[in-house]
Amino acid sequence: MKKFKIKKGDTVIVIAGKEKGKEGKVLQVLPKEEKLIVDGINLVKKHLKPRSSGKAGQIVEKAMPLHVSNVQIKDPKTGKPTRVRFELKKDKKVRVAVKSGAEIK
């Protein structure tokens, strides 16, 4: 199990695949599978059967997980995708964007 530099609530940009260039907020991180679920990205239509008699079935859109290697954090200064590194500031470990040096909250 790996520890990620991307956390729930971060804004990420997809850098590979059919959704390349789109951005969204991370809803859930799945560390065991090395994947994450991003709001509005990688949506699939799921067909649900009617659960009881008299009710109709339905089609719902569901966000499926993306591999961590296919996304990068959005740089707070430039708005472009960037890698992340950790730095010690005032005895606290903080995430910093590699391209601009801006701290990621």
Protein backbone atom coordinates (compact mmCIF):
# COMPACT_ATOMS: atom_id res chain seq x y z
CA MET A 1 0.00 0.00 0.00
CA LYS A 2 1.46 3.31 -1.12
CA LYS A 3 0.99 6.70 0.44
CA PHE A 4 -0.19 9.30 -2.07
CA LYS A 5 0.67 12.94 -2.45
CA ILE A 6 -2.92 13.50 -3.60
CA LYS A 7 -5.61 13.78 -0.92
CA LYS A 8 -9.40 13.95 -0.79
CA GLY A 9 -10.58 17.46 -1.73
CA ASP A 10 -7.61 18.29 -4.00
CA THR A 11 -8.27 19.67 -7.47
CA VAL A 12 -6.58 17.46 -10.06
CA ILE A 13 -6.12 17.53 -13.85
CA VAL A 14 -6.30 14.33 -15.93
CA ILE A 15 -3.08 13.96 -17.94
CA ALA A 16 -3.81 10.68 -19.79
CA GLY A 17 -6.73 8.74 -21.22
CA LYS A 18 -10.05 9.67 -22.80
CA GLU A 19 -10.72 12.42 -20.23
CA LYS A 20 -7.32 14.12 -20.79
CA GLY A 21 -7.32 17.85 -19.97
CA LYS A 22 -10.38 17.78 -17.71
CA GLU A 23 -10.20 18.75 -14.06
CA GLY A 24 -12.20 17.90 -10.98
CA LYS A 25 -12.16 17.49 -7.23
CA VAL A 26 -11.01 14.21 -5.64
CA LEU A 27 -13.98 12.56 -3.91
CA GLN A 28 -12.30 9.41 -2.65
CA VAL A 29 -8.79 7.90 -2.52
CA LEU A 30 -8.37 4.11 -2.82
CA PRO A 31 -4.76 3.45 -1.68
CA LYS A 32 -4.88 -0.36 -1.90
CA GLU A 33 -5.80 -0.18 -5.60
CA GLU A 34 -3.68 2.95 -6.28
CA LYS A 35 -6.77 4.69 -7.68
CA LEU A 36 -8.95 7.69 -6.93
CA ILE A 37 -12.45 8.84 -7.78
CA VAL A 38 -12.73 12.33 -9.29
CA ASP A 39 -16.01 14.28 -9.44
CA GLY A 40 -17.46 14.35 -12.98
CA ILE A 41 -14.58 12.38 -14.54
CA ASN A 42 -14.69 8.82 -15.97
CA LEU A 43 -18.47 8.54 -15.73
CA VAL A 44 -20.22 5.33 -16.81
CA LYS A 45 -23.91 4.58 -17.19
CA LYS A 46 -25.15 1.81 -14.89
CA HIS A 47 -28.46 0.09 -15.64
CA LEU A 48 -30.47 -0.74 -12.52
CA LYS A 49 -33.28 -3.29 -12.47
CA PRO A 50 -36.56 -2.41 -10.80
CA ARG A 51 -36.33 -3.46 -7.13
CA SER A 52 -40.04 -4.01 -6.49
CA SER A 53 -43.06 -4.61 -8.68
CA GLY A 54 -44.62 -1.48 -10.12
CA LYS A 55 -41.39 0.53 -10.08
CA ALA A 56 -39.39 1.25 -13.20
CA GLY A 57 -35.71 0.47 -13.71
CA GLN A 58 -33.33 3.36 -14.26
CA ILE A 59 -29.99 4.38 -15.71
CA VAL A 60 -27.62 6.20 -13.36
CA GLU A 61 -24.25 7.79 -14.06
CA LYS A 62 -21.48 6.71 -11.72
CA ALA A 63 -17.89 7.99 -11.42
CA MET A 64 -15.38 5.14 -11.77
CA PRO A 65 -11.85 5.16 -10.32
CA LEU A 66 -8.83 6.50 -12.23
CA HIS A 67 -5.26 5.34 -11.68
CA VAL A 68 -3.14 7.82 -9.71
CA SER A 69 -0.54 7.98 -12.50
CA ASN A 70 -3.15 9.49 -14.86
CA VAL A 71 -3.74 12.64 -12.78
CA GLN A 72 -1.64 15.50 -11.41
CA ILE A 73 -2.46 18.18 -8.85
CA LYS A 74 -3.49 21.58 -10.21
CA ASP A 75 -0.85 24.21 -9.37
CA PRO A 76 -2.40 26.90 -7.11
CA LYS A 77 -0.45 29.71 -8.85
CA THR A 78 -0.44 28.78 -12.54
CA GLY A 79 -3.45 26.46 -12.78
CA LYS A 80 -1.40 23.88 -14.72
CA PRO A 81 -0.67 20.28 -13.71
CA THR A 82 2.37 19.85 -11.44
CA ARG A 83 4.23 17.25 -9.44
CA VAL A 84 4.30 17.50 -5.65
CA ARG A 85 7.11 17.39 -3.11
CA PHE A 86 7.21 17.63 0.66
CA GLU A 87 9.14 20.32 2.51
CA LEU A 88 9.62 21.10 6.19
CA LYS A 89 8.34 24.55 7.17
CA LYS A 90 8.34 25.49 10.87
CA ASP A 91 8.73 21.82 11.86
CA LYS A 92 5.69 20.93 9.76
CA LYS A 93 5.66 18.75 6.66
CA VAL A 94 3.82 20.59 3.85
CA ARG A 95 3.06 19.76 0.22
CA VAL A 96 4.65 22.09 -2.32
CA ALA A 97 4.09 22.37 -6.09
CA VAL A 98 7.32 21.57 -7.96
CA LYS A 99 6.74 24.05 -10.83
CA SER A 100 5.84 27.22 -8.89
CA GLY A 101 6.96 26.42 -5.33
CA ALA A 102 3.52 27.35 -4.00
CA GLU A 103 2.21 25.54 -0.93
CA ILE A 104 -0.72 23.20 -1.57
CA LYS A 105 -3.43 23.47 1.07
